[in-house]
Amino acid sequence: MARNMIKCTLTGSERITNNSYLKRRLDALGVDEAYFRTHYASKPAVASLRESIERGELVQTAQRLGKSEGWCVRCALMNGKNKLFKEALSNVTTSTTTDTSSLVPGELDTTPI
């Protein structure tokens, strides 16, 4: 993958990015570039992911994507504007989730997000 391309981890689509955008996102999130690229998702893909989480379908969505529930939540939180999503996420009951801190093999360690 070229350095100026960024790939959506949910759809596989790629788009051009620039260093200033990438630096702003990394600084705002407090993560490194590899971690960001591992969790980057396009706007439409994140909207769909957030909707499924808000409907209480986190477990099913994670299984469909082949990712952990924690990865799905981190991906939804890292991408786009998430103030409203954070509020909605707090309303999702913990009974619909299992241990969201568990990682999928090959996934990077947890971050402050």
Protein backbone atom coordinates (compact mmCIF):
# COMPACT_ATOMS: atom_id res chain seq x y z
CA MET A 1 0.00 0.00 0.00
CA ALA A 2 1.38 3.38 -0.94
CA ARG A 3 2.03 5.77 1.93
CA ASN A 4 -0.49 8.29 0.58
CA MET A 5 -3.30 5.72 0.36
CA ILE A 6 -5.47 4.62 3.26
CA LYS A 7 -7.59 1.47 3.14
CA CYS A 8 -10.94 0.93 4.85
CA THR A 9 -10.65 -2.17 7.03
CA LEU A 10 -14.37 -2.88 6.67
CA THR A 11 -14.89 -2.55 2.91
CA GLY A 12 -11.39 -2.75 1.46
CA SER A 13 -11.85 0.50 -0.46
CA GLU A 14 -8.88 2.83 -0.65
CA ARG A 15 -8.61 6.58 -0.82
CA ILE A 16 -5.86 9.12 -1.10
CA THR A 17 -4.80 10.82 2.11
CA ASN A 18 -2.18 13.41 2.92
CA ASN A 19 0.37 13.74 5.66
CA SER A 20 -1.29 16.71 7.35
CA TYR A 21 -4.64 14.86 7.67
CA LEU A 22 -2.91 11.75 8.95
CA LYS A 23 -0.83 13.71 11.47
CA ARG A 24 -3.90 15.56 12.80
CA ARG A 25 -5.82 12.29 13.25
CA LEU A 26 -2.87 10.55 14.93
CA ASP A 27 -2.32 13.48 17.30
CA ALA A 28 -6.01 13.74 18.15
CA LEU A 29 -6.34 10.02 18.83
CA GLY A 30 -2.97 9.49 20.47
CA VAL A 31 -2.14 6.41 18.40
CA ASP A 32 0.59 5.49 15.95
CA GLU A 33 0.13 5.23 12.20
CA ALA A 34 0.06 1.43 12.09
CA TYR A 35 -2.69 1.28 14.70
CA PHE A 36 -4.73 3.94 12.90
CA ARG A 37 -4.41 2.13 9.58
CA THR A 38 -5.51 -1.12 11.28
CA HIS A 39 -8.70 0.58 12.54
CA TYR A 40 -9.43 3.04 9.71
CA ALA A 41 -12.89 2.81 8.15
CA SER A 42 -14.64 4.96 5.58
CA LYS A 43 -17.50 7.23 6.57
CA PRO A 44 -20.29 5.02 5.12
CA ALA A 45 -18.77 1.88 6.65
CA VAL A 46 -18.50 3.51 10.08
CA ALA A 47 -22.10 4.74 9.85
CA SER A 48 -23.26 1.19 9.17
CA LEU A 49 -21.08 -0.20 11.96
CA ARG A 50 -22.38 2.36 14.45
CA GLU A 51 -25.99 1.65 13.50
CA SER A 52 -25.54 -2.05 14.13
CA ILE A 53 -23.88 -1.38 17.49
CA GLU A 54 -26.66 1.02 18.49
CA ARG A 55 -29.26 -1.63 17.57
CA GLY A 56 -27.55 -4.01 20.01
CA GLU A 57 -26.06 -6.21 17.29
CA LEU A 58 -22.42 -5.87 18.34
CA VAL A 59 -21.83 -9.61 18.79
CA GLN A 60 -23.36 -10.52 15.42
CA THR A 61 -21.54 -7.70 13.63
CA ALA A 62 -18.20 -8.71 15.13
CA GLN A 63 -18.75 -12.32 14.07
CA ARG A 64 -19.77 -11.27 10.54
CA LEU A 65 -16.63 -9.13 10.21
CA GLY A 66 -14.37 -11.74 11.80
CA LYS A 67 -13.18 -9.20 14.37
CA SER A 68 -13.45 -8.90 18.12
CA GLU A 69 -16.20 -6.84 19.70
CA GLY A 70 -13.54 -4.56 21.16
CA TRP A 71 -12.08 -3.99 17.71
CA CYS A 72 -15.51 -3.02 16.36
CA VAL A 73 -16.08 -0.52 19.15
CA ARG A 74 -12.59 0.98 18.77
CA CYS A 75 -13.08 1.26 15.02
CA ALA A 76 -16.43 3.01 15.49
CA LEU A 77 -14.96 5.40 18.04
CA MET A 78 -11.79 6.22 16.12
CA ASN A 79 -13.41 7.23 12.86
CA GLY A 80 -15.49 10.32 12.23
CA LYS A 81 -17.16 12.58 14.71
CA ASN A 82 -18.23 10.46 17.63
CA LYS A 83 -19.79 12.62 20.35
CA LEU A 84 -23.30 11.30 19.70
CA PHE A 85 -22.04 7.77 19.22
CA LYS A 86 -20.28 7.82 22.59
CA GLU A 87 -23.58 8.74 24.24
CA ALA A 88 -25.43 5.99 22.36
CA LEU A 89 -22.71 3.49 23.22
CA SER A 90 -23.15 4.21 26.92
CA ASN A 91 -26.82 3.25 26.52
CA VAL A 92 -25.99 -0.16 25.01
CA THR A 93 -26.33 -2.68 27.80
CA THR A 94 -23.26 -4.59 28.82
CA SER A 95 -25.20 -7.83 28.57
CA THR A 96 -24.93 -7.63 24.78
CA THR A 97 -21.16 -7.54 24.94
CA THR A 98 -18.57 -9.93 26.15
CA ASP A 99 -15.04 -8.98 27.10
CA THR A 100 -14.34 -6.12 24.68
CA SER A 101 -10.72 -5.97 25.76
CA SER A 102 -9.89 -9.30 24.11
CA LEU A 103 -7.93 -9.06 20.91
CA VAL A 104 -8.07 -10.97 17.67
CA PRO A 105 -4.79 -12.72 16.83
CA GLY A 106 -2.61 -10.32 14.89
CA GLU A 107 -4.38 -7.28 16.31
CA LEU A 108 -2.31 -4.60 18.00
CA ASP A 109 -2.40 -4.00 21.75
CA THR A 110 -5.07 -1.81 23.31
CA THR A 111 -4.74 1.95 23.33
CA PRO A 112 -6.15 4.72 25.47
CA ILE A 113 -9.24 4.90 23.26
